[in-house]
Amino acid sequence: IDIDPRFSAEQARAAFSGCESLEIEVRQSSWGDCPVEPALA
């Protein structure tokens, strides 16, 4: 969440819609407060 993702919401939809399970591990390597909502959106 501390860097801009290199995929779009449409790419995520095409990749993972209809799968059996999806596990997302959220990480942040920099210090400070990074909002998680934009990445999960």
Full PDB file with SEQRES, HELIX, SHEET, SSBOND, CRYST1, ORIGX, SCALE, CONECT and MASTER records, all heavy atoms in Angstrom:
SEQRES   1 A   41  ILE ASP ILE ASP PRO ARG PHE SER ALA GLU GLN ALA ARG          
SEQRES   2 A   41  ALA ALA PHE SER GLY CYS GLU SER LEU GLU ILE GLU VAL          
SEQRES   3 A   41  ARG GLN SER SER TRP GLY ASP CYS PRO VAL GLU PRO ALA          
SEQRES   4 A   41  LEU ALA                                                      
HELIX    1 AA1 ALA A    9  PHE A   16  1                                   8    
HELIX    2 AA2 GLU A   37  LEU A   40  1                                   4    
CRYST1    1.000    1.000    1.000  90.00  90.00  90.00 P 1           1          
ORIGX1      1.000000  0.000000  0.000000        0.00000                         
ORIGX2      0.000000  1.000000  0.000000        0.00000                         
ORIGX3      0.000000  0.000000  1.000000        0.00000                         
SCALE1      1.000000  0.000000  0.000000        0.00000                         
SCALE2      0.000000  1.000000  0.000000        0.00000                         
SCALE3      0.000000  0.000000  1.000000        0.00000                         
ATOM      1  N   ILE A   1       0.810  -1.215   0.000  1.00  0.00           N  
ATOM      2  CA  ILE A   1       0.000   0.000   0.000  1.00  0.00           C  
ATOM      3  C   ILE A   1       0.844   1.266   0.000  1.00  0.00           C  
ATOM      4  O   ILE A   1       0.309   2.365  -0.099  1.00  0.00           O  
ATOM      5  CB  ILE A   1      -0.983   0.026   1.193  1.00  0.00           C  
ATOM      6  CG1 ILE A   1      -0.234  -0.032   2.517  1.00  0.00           C  
ATOM      7  CG2 ILE A   1      -1.981  -1.094   1.062  1.00  0.00           C  
ATOM      8  CD1 ILE A   1      -1.126   0.189   3.725  1.00  0.00           C  
ATOM      9  N   ASP A   2       2.170   1.150   0.092  1.00  0.00           N  
ATOM     10  CA  ASP A   2       3.023   2.328   0.105  1.00  0.00           C  
ATOM     11  C   ASP A   2       3.532   2.706  -1.290  1.00  0.00           C  
ATOM     12  O   ASP A   2       4.274   3.658  -1.443  1.00  0.00           O  
ATOM     13  CB  ASP A   2       4.187   2.139   1.067  1.00  0.00           C  
ATOM     14  CG  ASP A   2       5.009   0.902   0.757  1.00  0.00           C  
ATOM     15  OD1 ASP A   2       4.504   0.026   0.024  1.00  0.00           O  
ATOM     16  OD2 ASP A   2       6.142   0.805   1.238  1.00  0.00           O  
ATOM     17  N   ILE A   3       3.130   1.943  -2.299  1.00  0.00           N  
ATOM     18  CA  ILE A   3       3.467   2.272  -3.684  1.00  0.00           C  
ATOM     19  C   ILE A   3       2.193   2.161  -4.526  1.00  0.00           C  
ATOM     20  O   ILE A   3       1.241   1.495  -4.140  1.00  0.00           O  
ATOM     21  CB  ILE A   3       4.565   1.343  -4.264  1.00  0.00           C  
ATOM     22  CG1 ILE A   3       4.112  -0.107  -4.227  1.00  0.00           C  
ATOM     23  CG2 ILE A   3       5.877   1.527  -3.523  1.00  0.00           C  
ATOM     24  CD1 ILE A   3       5.050  -1.059  -4.925  1.00  0.00           C  
ATOM     25  N   ASP A   4       2.215   2.815  -5.657  1.00  0.00           N  
ATOM     26  CA  ASP A   4       1.046   2.738  -6.540  1.00  0.00           C  
ATOM     27  C   ASP A   4       0.965   1.350  -7.153  1.00  0.00           C  
ATOM     28  O   ASP A   4       1.959   0.839  -7.682  1.00  0.00           O  
ATOM     29  CB  ASP A   4       1.142   3.781  -7.650  1.00  0.00           C  
ATOM     30  CG  ASP A   4       0.968   5.190  -7.127  1.00  0.00           C  
ATOM     31  OD1 ASP A   4       0.286   5.344  -6.099  1.00  0.00           O  
ATOM     32  OD2 ASP A   4       1.500   6.123  -7.747  1.00  0.00           O  
ATOM     33  N   PRO A   5      -0.205   0.725  -7.106  1.00  0.00           N  
ATOM     34  CA  PRO A   5      -0.339  -0.596  -7.732  1.00  0.00           C  
ATOM     35  C   PRO A   5      -0.182  -0.479  -9.244  1.00  0.00           C  
ATOM     36  O   PRO A   5      -0.476   0.549  -9.838  1.00  0.00           O  
ATOM     37  CB  PRO A   5      -1.752  -1.039  -7.351  1.00  0.00           C  
ATOM     38  CG  PRO A   5      -2.419   0.134  -6.761  1.00  0.00           C  
ATOM     39  CD  PRO A   5      -1.403   1.177  -6.472  1.00  0.00           C  
ATOM     40  N   ARG A   6       0.282  -1.545  -9.834  1.00  0.00           N  
ATOM     41  CA  ARG A   6       0.515  -1.546 -11.281  1.00  0.00           C  
ATOM     42  C   ARG A   6      -0.574  -2.309 -12.017  1.00  0.00           C  
ATOM     43  O   ARG A   6      -0.319  -2.943 -13.031  1.00  0.00           O  
ATOM     44  CB  ARG A   6       1.890  -2.134 -11.563  1.00  0.00           C  
ATOM     45  CG  ARG A   6       2.985  -1.257 -11.000  1.00  0.00           C  
ATOM     46  CD  ARG A   6       4.333  -1.624 -11.561  1.00  0.00           C  
ATOM     47  NE  ARG A   6       5.311  -0.635 -11.174  1.00  0.00           N  
ATOM     48  CZ  ARG A   6       6.171  -0.794 -10.193  1.00  0.00           C  
ATOM     49  NH1 ARG A   6       6.162  -1.901  -9.496  1.00  0.00           N  
ATOM     50  NH2 ARG A   6       7.041   0.148  -9.919  1.00  0.00           N  
ATOM     51  N   PHE A   7      -1.783  -2.266 -11.473  1.00  0.00           N  
ATOM     52  CA  PHE A   7      -2.926  -2.876 -12.145  1.00  0.00           C  
ATOM     53  C   PHE A   7      -4.160  -2.049 -11.832  1.00  0.00           C  
ATOM     54  O   PHE A   7      -4.191  -1.289 -10.871  1.00  0.00           O  
ATOM     55  CB  PHE A   7      -3.108  -4.342 -11.735  1.00  0.00           C  
ATOM     56  CG  PHE A   7      -3.317  -4.566 -10.265  1.00  0.00           C  
ATOM     57  CD1 PHE A   7      -4.588  -4.552  -9.720  1.00  0.00           C  
ATOM     58  CD2 PHE A   7      -2.242  -4.804  -9.422  1.00  0.00           C  
ATOM     59  CE1 PHE A   7      -4.785  -4.759  -8.370  1.00  0.00           C  
ATOM     60  CE2 PHE A   7      -2.426  -5.012  -8.070  1.00  0.00           C  
ATOM     61  CZ  PHE A   7      -3.708  -4.985  -7.533  1.00  0.00           C  
ATOM     62  N   SER A   8      -5.143  -2.195 -12.675  1.00  0.00           N  
ATOM     63  CA  SER A   8      -6.376  -1.423 -12.514  1.00  0.00           C  
ATOM     64  C   SER A   8      -7.469  -2.282 -11.889  1.00  0.00           C  
ATOM     65  O   SER A   8      -7.336  -3.509 -11.773  1.00  0.00           O  
ATOM     66  CB  SER A   8      -6.856  -0.919 -13.876  1.00  0.00           C  
ATOM     67  OG  SER A   8      -7.270  -2.019 -14.669  1.00  0.00           O  
ATOM     68  N   ALA A   9      -8.562  -1.639 -11.509  1.00  0.00           N  
ATOM     69  CA  ALA A   9      -9.706  -2.367 -10.965  1.00  0.00           C  
ATOM     70  C   ALA A   9     -10.269  -3.327 -12.006  1.00  0.00           C  
ATOM     71  O   ALA A   9     -10.683  -4.444 -11.682  1.00  0.00           O  
ATOM     72  CB  ALA A   9     -10.784  -1.383 -10.504  1.00  0.00           C  
ATOM     73  N   GLU A  10     -10.269  -2.928 -13.264  1.00  0.00           N  
ATOM     74  CA  GLU A  10     -10.774  -3.794 -14.327  1.00  0.00           C  
ATOM     75  C   GLU A  10      -9.872  -5.022 -14.508  1.00  0.00           C  
ATOM     76  O   GLU A  10     -10.348  -6.130 -14.717  1.00  0.00           O  
ATOM     77  CB  GLU A  10     -10.885  -3.018 -15.639  1.00  0.00           C  
ATOM     78  CG  GLU A  10     -11.453  -3.810 -16.779  1.00  0.00           C  
ATOM     79  CD  GLU A  10     -12.832  -4.404 -16.504  1.00  0.00           C  
ATOM     80  OE1 GLU A  10     -13.644  -3.785 -15.798  1.00  0.00           O  
ATOM     81  OE2 GLU A  10     -13.089  -5.526 -16.993  1.00  0.00           O  
ATOM     82  N   GLN A  11      -8.568  -4.849 -14.398  1.00  0.00           N  
ATOM     83  CA  GLN A  11      -7.648  -5.989 -14.485  1.00  0.00           C  
ATOM     84  C   GLN A  11      -7.846  -6.936 -13.302  1.00  0.00           C  
ATOM     85  O   GLN A  11      -7.797  -8.149 -13.471  1.00  0.00           O  
ATOM     86  CB  GLN A  11      -6.200  -5.499 -14.561  1.00  0.00           C  
ATOM     87  CG  GLN A  11      -5.861  -4.831 -15.875  1.00  0.00           C  
ATOM     88  CD  GLN A  11      -4.507  -4.151 -15.820  1.00  0.00           C  
ATOM     89  OE1 GLN A  11      -4.190  -3.427 -14.866  1.00  0.00           O  
ATOM     90  NE2 GLN A  11      -3.706  -4.355 -16.856  1.00  0.00           N  
ATOM     91  N   ALA A  12      -8.067  -6.395 -12.114  1.00  0.00           N  
ATOM     92  CA  ALA A  12      -8.328  -7.239 -10.940  1.00  0.00           C  
ATOM     93  C   ALA A  12      -9.631  -8.010 -11.134  1.00  0.00           C  
ATOM     94  O   ALA A  12      -9.720  -9.192 -10.811  1.00  0.00           O  
ATOM     95  CB  ALA A  12      -8.377  -6.394  -9.673  1.00  0.00           C  
ATOM     96  N   ARG A  13     -10.666  -7.350 -11.654  1.00  0.00           N  
ATOM     97  CA  ARG A  13     -11.938  -8.019 -11.915  1.00  0.00           C  
ATOM     98  C   ARG A  13     -11.755  -9.182 -12.894  1.00  0.00           C  
ATOM     99  O   ARG A  13     -12.210 -10.290 -12.645  1.00  0.00           O  
ATOM    100  CB  ARG A  13     -12.971  -7.037 -12.492  1.00  0.00           C  
ATOM    101  CG  ARG A  13     -14.351  -7.680 -12.711  1.00  0.00           C  
ATOM    102  CD  ARG A  13     -15.169  -6.970 -13.762  1.00  0.00           C  
ATOM    103  NE  ARG A  13     -14.545  -6.900 -15.063  1.00  0.00           N  
ATOM    104  CZ  ARG A  13     -14.479  -7.911 -15.945  1.00  0.00           C  
ATOM    105  NH1 ARG A  13     -14.969  -9.083 -15.652  1.00  0.00           N  
ATOM    106  NH2 ARG A  13     -13.899  -7.731 -17.106  1.00  0.00           N  
ATOM    107  N   ALA A  14     -11.058  -8.924 -13.989  1.00  0.00           N  
ATOM    108  CA  ALA A  14     -10.841  -9.973 -14.991  1.00  0.00           C  
ATOM    109  C   ALA A  14     -10.012 -11.123 -14.442  1.00  0.00           C  
ATOM    110  O   ALA A  14     -10.229 -12.282 -14.778  1.00  0.00           O  
ATOM    111  CB  ALA A  14     -10.173  -9.374 -16.228  1.00  0.00           C  
ATOM    112  N   ALA A  15      -9.057 -10.833 -13.572  1.00  0.00           N  
ATOM    113  CA  ALA A  15      -8.153 -11.859 -13.056  1.00  0.00           C  
ATOM    114  C   ALA A  15      -8.801 -12.743 -11.997  1.00  0.00           C  
ATOM    115  O   ALA A  15      -8.605 -13.960 -11.995  1.00  0.00           O  
ATOM    116  CB  ALA A  15      -6.896 -11.207 -12.482  1.00  0.00           C  
ATOM    117  N   PHE A  16      -9.577 -12.160 -11.081  1.00  0.00           N  
ATOM    118  CA  PHE A  16      -9.998 -12.908  -9.905  1.00  0.00           C  
ATOM    119  C   PHE A  16     -11.487 -13.200  -9.793  1.00  0.00           C  
ATOM    120  O   PHE A  16     -11.893 -13.972  -8.931  1.00  0.00           O  
ATOM    121  CB  PHE A  16      -9.534 -12.184  -8.640  1.00  0.00           C  
ATOM    122  CG  PHE A  16      -8.040 -12.016  -8.561  1.00  0.00           C  
ATOM    123  CD1 PHE A  16      -7.461 -10.759  -8.536  1.00  0.00           C  
ATOM    124  CD2 PHE A  16      -7.211 -13.121  -8.529  1.00  0.00           C  
ATOM    125  CE1 PHE A  16      -6.095 -10.605  -8.474  1.00  0.00           C  
ATOM    126  CE2 PHE A  16      -5.842 -12.982  -8.466  1.00  0.00           C  
ATOM    127  CZ  PHE A  16      -5.278 -11.716  -8.435  1.00  0.00           C  
ATOM    128  N   SER A  17     -12.327 -12.609 -10.622  1.00  0.00           N  
ATOM    129  CA  SER A  17     -13.768 -12.885 -10.529  1.00  0.00           C  
ATOM    130  C   SER A  17     -14.038 -14.362 -10.775  1.00  0.00           C  
ATOM    131  O   SER A  17     -13.497 -14.957 -11.704  1.00  0.00           O  
ATOM    132  CB  SER A  17     -14.541 -12.036 -11.528  1.00  0.00           C  
ATOM    133  OG  SER A  17     -14.621 -10.707 -11.095  1.00  0.00           O  
ATOM    134  N   GLY A  18     -14.858 -14.925  -9.912  1.00  0.00           N  
ATOM    135  CA  GLY A  18     -15.249 -16.325 -10.050  1.00  0.00           C  
ATOM    136  C   GLY A  18     -14.268 -17.330  -9.480  1.00  0.00           C  
ATOM    137  O   GLY A  18     -14.515 -18.532  -9.546  1.00  0.00           O  
ATOM    138  N   CYS A  19     -13.160 -16.880  -8.881  1.00  0.00           N  
ATOM    139  CA  CYS A  19     -12.218 -17.850  -8.318  1.00  0.00           C  
ATOM    140  C   CYS A  19     -12.778 -18.420  -7.015  1.00  0.00           C  
ATOM    141  O   CYS A  19     -13.708 -17.884  -6.424  1.00  0.00           O  
ATOM    142  CB  CYS A  19     -10.840 -17.233  -8.120  1.00  0.00           C  
ATOM    143  SG  CYS A  19     -10.696 -16.013  -6.827  1.00  0.00           S  
ATOM    144  N   GLU A  20     -12.205 -19.505  -6.580  1.00  0.00           N  
ATOM    145  CA  GLU A  20     -12.671 -20.162  -5.358  1.00  0.00           C  
ATOM    146  C   GLU A  20     -12.251 -19.402  -4.110  1.00  0.00           C  
ATOM    147  O   GLU A  20     -13.027 -19.236  -3.185  1.00  0.00           O  
ATOM    148  CB  GLU A  20     -12.131 -21.589  -5.317  1.00  0.00           C  
ATOM    149  CG  GLU A  20     -12.636 -22.395  -4.152  1.00  0.00           C  
ATOM    150  CD  GLU A  20     -12.109 -23.818  -4.187  1.00  0.00           C  
ATOM    151  OE1 GLU A  20     -12.066 -24.415  -5.279  1.00  0.00           O  
ATOM    152  OE2 GLU A  20     -11.731 -24.309  -3.120  1.00  0.00           O  
ATOM    153  N   SER A  21     -10.986 -18.953  -4.067  1.00  0.00           N  
ATOM    154  CA  SER A  21     -10.531 -18.199  -2.907  1.00  0.00           C  
ATOM    155  C   SER A  21      -9.497 -17.166  -3.330  1.00  0.00           C  
ATOM    156  O   SER A  21      -8.747 -17.374  -4.287  1.00  0.00           O  
ATOM    157  CB  SER A  21      -9.964 -19.112  -1.820  1.00  0.00           C  
ATOM    158  OG  SER A  21      -8.733 -19.670  -2.225  1.00  0.00           O  
ATOM    159  N   LEU A  22      -9.483 -16.067  -2.608  1.00  0.00           N  
ATOM    160  CA  LEU A  22      -8.537 -14.984  -2.838  1.00  0.00           C  
ATOM    161  C   LEU A  22      -8.047 -14.508  -1.484  1.00  0.00           C  
ATOM    162  O   LEU A  22      -8.824 -14.065  -0.644  1.00  0.00           O  
ATOM    163  CB  LEU A  22      -9.201 -13.836  -3.605  1.00  0.00           C  
ATOM    164  CG  LEU A  22      -8.357 -12.583  -3.838  1.00  0.00           C  
ATOM    165  CD1 LEU A  22      -7.085 -12.904  -4.614  1.00  0.00           C  
ATOM    166  CD2 LEU A  22      -9.195 -11.523  -4.555  1.00  0.00           C  
ATOM    167  N   GLU A  23      -6.745 -14.626  -1.263  1.00  0.00           N  
ATOM    168  CA  GLU A  23      -6.119 -14.178  -0.025  1.00  0.00           C  
ATOM    169  C   GLU A  23      -5.237 -12.986  -0.361  1.00  0.00           C  
ATOM    170  O   GLU A  23      -4.342 -13.093  -1.201  1.00  0.00           O  
ATOM    171  CB  GLU A  23      -5.275 -15.307   0.569  1.00  0.00           C  
ATOM    172  CG  GLU A  23      -4.590 -14.955   1.845  1.00  0.00           C  
ATOM    173  CD  GLU A  23      -3.739 -16.101   2.376  1.00  0.00           C  
ATOM    174  OE1 GLU A  23      -4.039 -17.261   2.053  1.00  0.00           O  
ATOM    175  OE2 GLU A  23      -2.778 -15.822   3.107  1.00  0.00           O  
ATOM    176  N   ILE A  24      -5.511 -11.851   0.253  1.00  0.00           N  
ATOM    177  CA  ILE A  24      -4.744 -10.633   0.000  1.00  0.00           C  
ATOM    178  C   ILE A  24      -3.975 -10.297   1.268  1.00  0.00           C  
ATOM    179  O   ILE A  24      -4.567 -10.088   2.328  1.00  0.00           O  
ATOM    180  CB  ILE A  24      -5.659  -9.462  -0.394  1.00  0.00           C  
ATOM    181  CG1 ILE A  24      -6.475  -9.822  -1.639  1.00  0.00           C  
ATOM    182  CG2 ILE A  24      -4.840  -8.197  -0.628  1.00  0.00           C  
ATOM    183  CD1 ILE A  24      -7.553  -8.827  -1.974  1.00  0.00           C  
ATOM    184  N   GLU A  25      -2.662 -10.260   1.149  1.00  0.00           N  
ATOM    185  CA  GLU A  25      -1.818  -9.864   2.278  1.00  0.00           C  
ATOM    186  C   GLU A  25      -1.352  -8.444   2.019  1.00  0.00           C  
ATOM    187  O   GLU A  25      -0.646  -8.178   1.044  1.00  0.00           O  
ATOM    188  CB  GLU A  25      -0.621 -10.792   2.424  1.00  0.00           C  
ATOM    189  CG  GLU A  25       0.199 -10.469   3.641  1.00  0.00           C  
ATOM    190  CD  GLU A  25       1.284 -11.490   3.908  1.00  0.00           C  
ATOM    191  OE1 GLU A  25       1.140 -12.640   3.487  1.00  0.00           O  
ATOM    192  OE2 GLU A  25       2.268 -11.108   4.553  1.00  0.00           O  
ATOM    193  N   VAL A  26      -1.791  -7.524   2.872  1.00  0.00           N  
ATOM    194  CA  VAL A  26      -1.473  -6.111   2.719  1.00  0.00           C  
ATOM    195  C   VAL A  26      -0.176  -5.825   3.459  1.00  0.00           C  
ATOM    196  O   VAL A  26      -0.034  -6.180   4.630  1.00  0.00           O  
ATOM    197  CB  VAL A  26      -2.625  -5.237   3.267  1.00  0.00           C  
ATOM    198  CG1 VAL A  26      -2.298  -3.768   3.110  1.00  0.00           C  
ATOM    199  CG2 VAL A  26      -3.928  -5.585   2.566  1.00  0.00           C  
ATOM    200  N   ARG A  27       0.765  -5.172   2.754  1.00  0.00           N  
ATOM    201  CA  ARG A  27       2.062  -4.857   3.360  1.00  0.00           C  
ATOM    202  C   ARG A  27       2.427  -3.411   3.098  1.00  0.00           C  
ATOM    203  O   ARG A  27       1.981  -2.813   2.130  1.00  0.00           O  
ATOM    204  CB  ARG A  27       3.166  -5.753   2.783  1.00  0.00           C  
ATOM    205  CG  ARG A  27       3.045  -7.170   3.236  1.00  0.00           C  
ATOM    206  CD  ARG A  27       4.301  -7.902   2.983  1.00  0.00           C  
ATOM    207  NE  ARG A  27       4.175  -9.262   3.473  1.00  0.00           N  
ATOM    208  CZ  ARG A  27       5.068 -10.173   3.259  1.00  0.00           C  
ATOM    209  NH1 ARG A  27       6.142  -9.917   2.556  1.00  0.00           N  
ATOM    210  NH2 ARG A  27       4.894 -11.378   3.742  1.00  0.00           N  
ATOM    211  N   GLN A  28       3.300  -2.913   3.959  1.00  0.00           N  
ATOM    212  CA  GLN A  28       3.806  -1.551   3.833  1.00  0.00           C  
ATOM    213  C   GLN A  28       5.249  -1.582   4.285  1.00  0.00           C  
ATOM    214  O   GLN A  28       5.543  -1.991   5.400  1.00  0.00           O  
ATOM    215  CB  GLN A  28       2.954  -0.635   4.708  1.00  0.00           C  
ATOM    216  CG  GLN A  28       3.522   0.712   4.965  1.00  0.00           C  
ATOM    217  CD  GLN A  28       2.669   1.496   5.940  1.00  0.00           C  
ATOM    218  OE1 GLN A  28       1.498   1.228   6.110  1.00  0.00           O  
ATOM    219  NE2 GLN A  28       3.268   2.468   6.597  1.00  0.00           N  
ATOM    220  N   SER A  29       6.168  -1.169   3.422  1.00  0.00           N  
ATOM    221  CA  SER A  29       7.574  -1.233   3.819  1.00  0.00           C  
ATOM    222  C   SER A  29       8.086   0.096   4.358  1.00  0.00           C  
ATOM    223  O   SER A  29       9.113   0.147   4.988  1.00  0.00           O  
ATOM    224  CB  SER A  29       8.438  -1.685   2.640  1.00  0.00           C  
ATOM    225  OG  SER A  29       8.370  -0.740   1.603  1.00  0.00           O  
ATOM    226  N   SER A  30       7.386   1.176   4.094  1.00  0.00           N  
ATOM    227  CA  SER A  30       7.856   2.471   4.593  1.00  0.00           C  
ATOM    228  C   SER A  30       7.209   2.792   5.938  1.00  0.00           C  
ATOM    229  O   SER A  30       6.154   2.270   6.276  1.00  0.00           O  
ATOM    230  CB  SER A  30       7.517   3.573   3.585  1.00  0.00           C  
ATOM    231  OG  SER A  30       6.123   3.731   3.477  1.00  0.00           O  
ATOM    232  N   TRP A  31       7.858   3.673   6.668  1.00  0.00           N  
ATOM    233  CA  TRP A  31       7.301   4.122   7.933  1.00  0.00           C  
ATOM    234  C   TRP A  31       6.240   5.164   7.657  1.00  0.00           C  
ATOM    235  O   TRP A  31       6.241   5.840   6.662  1.00  0.00           O  
ATOM    236  CB  TRP A  31       8.402   4.720   8.816  1.00  0.00           C  
ATOM    237  CG  TRP A  31       9.404   3.719   9.227  1.00  0.00           C  
ATOM    238  CD1 TRP A  31      10.608   3.491   8.655  1.00  0.00           C  
ATOM    239  CD2 TRP A  31       9.270   2.774  10.277  1.00  0.00           C  
ATOM    240  NE1 TRP A  31      11.248   2.464   9.279  1.00  0.00           N  
ATOM    241  CE2 TRP A  31      10.443   1.998  10.294  1.00  0.00           C  
ATOM    242  CE3 TRP A  31       8.288   2.490  11.214  1.00  0.00           C  
ATOM    243  CZ2 TRP A  31      10.662   0.979  11.201  1.00  0.00           C  
ATOM    244  CZ3 TRP A  31       8.513   1.483  12.116  1.00  0.00           C  
ATOM    245  CH2 TRP A  31       9.687   0.750  12.108  1.00  0.00           C  
ATOM    246  N   GLY A  32       5.317   5.280   8.546  1.00  0.00           N  
ATOM    247  CA  GLY A  32       4.276   6.278   8.381  1.00  0.00           C  
ATOM    248  C   GLY A  32       2.938   5.623   8.162  1.00  0.00           C  
ATOM    249  O   GLY A  32       2.799   4.405   8.173  1.00  0.00           O  
ATOM    250  N   ASP A  33       1.977   6.470   7.945  1.00  0.00           N  
ATOM    251  CA  ASP A  33       0.609   5.987   7.807  1.00  0.00           C  
ATOM    252  C   ASP A  33       0.204   6.004   6.343  1.00  0.00           C  
ATOM    253  O   ASP A  33       0.203   7.055   5.705  1.00  0.00           O  
ATOM    254  CB  ASP A  33      -0.312   6.883   8.642  1.00  0.00           C  
ATOM    255  CG  ASP A  33      -1.711   6.317   8.740  1.00  0.00           C  
ATOM    256  OD1 ASP A  33      -1.860   5.097   8.572  1.00  0.00           O  
ATOM    257  OD2 ASP A  33      -2.636   7.094   8.995  1.00  0.00           O  
ATOM    258  N   CYS A  34      -0.091   4.846   5.795  1.00  0.00           N  
ATOM    259  CA  CYS A  34      -0.577   4.733   4.426  1.00  0.00           C  
ATOM    260  C   CYS A  34      -2.001   4.205   4.483  1.00  0.00           C  
ATOM    261  O   CYS A  34      -2.249   3.179   5.112  1.00  0.00           O  
ATOM    262  CB  CYS A  34       0.274   3.761   3.614  1.00  0.00           C  
ATOM    263  SG  CYS A  34       1.948   4.315   3.331  1.00  0.00           S  
ATOM    264  N   PRO A  35      -2.934   4.873   3.831  1.00  0.00           N  
ATOM    265  CA  PRO A  35      -4.314   4.367   3.849  1.00  0.00           C  
ATOM    266  C   PRO A  35      -4.440   3.094   3.010  1.00  0.00           C  
ATOM    267  O   PRO A  35      -3.866   2.980   1.938  1.00  0.00           O  
ATOM    268  CB  PRO A  35      -5.123   5.516   3.247  1.00  0.00           C  
ATOM    269  CG  PRO A  35      -4.143   6.278   2.420  1.00  0.00           C  
ATOM    270  CD  PRO A  35      -2.811   6.102   3.081  1.00  0.00           C  
ATOM    271  N   VAL A  36      -5.151   2.119   3.512  1.00  0.00           N  
ATOM    272  CA  VAL A  36      -5.318   0.848   2.828  1.00  0.00           C  
ATOM    273  C   VAL A  36      -6.519   0.866   1.883  1.00  0.00           C  
ATOM    274  O   VAL A  36      -6.578   0.095   0.936  1.00  0.00           O  
ATOM    275  CB  VAL A  36      -5.408  -0.306   3.852  1.00  0.00           C  
ATOM    276  CG1 VAL A  36      -6.714  -0.256   4.603  1.00  0.00           C  
ATOM    277  CG2 VAL A  36      -5.233  -1.646   3.190  1.00  0.00           C  
ATOM    278  N   GLU A  37      -7.462   1.767   2.128  1.00  0.00           N  
ATOM    279  CA  GLU A  37      -8.701   1.776   1.346  1.00  0.00           C  
ATOM    280  C   GLU A  37      -8.490   1.938  -0.152  1.00  0.00           C  
ATOM    281  O   GLU A  37      -9.118   1.221  -0.939  1.00  0.00           O  
ATOM    282  CB  GLU A  37      -9.669   2.851   1.877  1.00  0.00           C  
ATOM    283  CG  GLU A  37     -10.231   2.547   3.240  1.00  0.00           C  
ATOM    284  CD  GLU A  37      -9.286   2.941   4.375  1.00  0.00           C  
ATOM    285  OE1 GLU A  37      -8.278   3.645   4.134  1.00  0.00           O  
ATOM    286  OE2 GLU A  37      -9.543   2.514   5.509  1.00  0.00           O  
ATOM    287  N   PRO A  38      -7.624   2.865  -0.632  1.00  0.00           N  
ATOM    288  CA  PRO A  38      -7.462   2.990  -2.088  1.00  0.00           C  
ATOM    289  C   PRO A  38      -6.945   1.709  -2.744  1.00  0.00           C  
ATOM    290  O   PRO A  38      -7.377   1.352  -3.837  1.00  0.00           O  
ATOM    291  CB  PRO A  38      -6.460   4.131  -2.244  1.00  0.00           C  
ATOM    292  CG  PRO A  38      -6.565   4.918  -0.983  1.00  0.00           C  
ATOM    293  CD  PRO A  38      -6.897   3.907   0.079  1.00  0.00           C  
ATOM    294  N   ALA A  39      -6.047   1.022  -2.081  1.00  0.00           N  
ATOM    295  CA  ALA A  39      -5.510  -0.217  -2.653  1.00  0.00           C  
ATOM    296  C   ALA A  39      -6.575  -1.311  -2.692  1.00  0.00           C  
ATOM    297  O   ALA A  39      -6.728  -2.013  -3.688  1.00  0.00           O  
ATOM    298  CB  ALA A  39      -4.297  -0.687  -1.859  1.00  0.00           C  
ATOM    299  N   LEU A  40      -7.324  -1.457  -1.618  1.00  0.00           N  
ATOM    300  CA  LEU A  40      -8.366  -2.484  -1.586  1.00  0.00           C  
ATOM    301  C   LEU A  40      -9.540  -2.133  -2.485  1.00  0.00           C  
ATOM    302  O   LEU A  40     -10.256  -3.026  -2.946  1.00  0.00           O  
ATOM    303  CB  LEU A  40      -8.834  -2.723  -0.149  1.00  0.00           C  
ATOM    304  CG  LEU A  40      -7.819  -3.398   0.758  1.00  0.00           C  
ATOM    305  CD1 LEU A  40      -8.391  -3.566   2.161  1.00  0.00           C  
ATOM    306  CD2 LEU A  40      -7.389  -4.737   0.203  1.00  0.00           C  
ATOM    307  N   ALA A  41      -9.738  -0.846  -2.775  1.00  0.00           N  
ATOM    308  CA  ALA A  41     -10.819  -0.437  -3.672  1.00  0.00           C  
ATOM    309  C   ALA A  41     -10.625  -1.008  -5.075  1.00  0.00           C  
ATOM    310  O   ALA A  41     -11.594  -1.155  -5.819  1.00  0.00           O  
ATOM    311  CB  ALA A  41     -10.911   1.082  -3.723  1.00  0.00           C  
TER     312      ALA A  41                                                      
MASTER        0    0    0    2    0    0    0    6  311    1    0    4          
END                                                                             
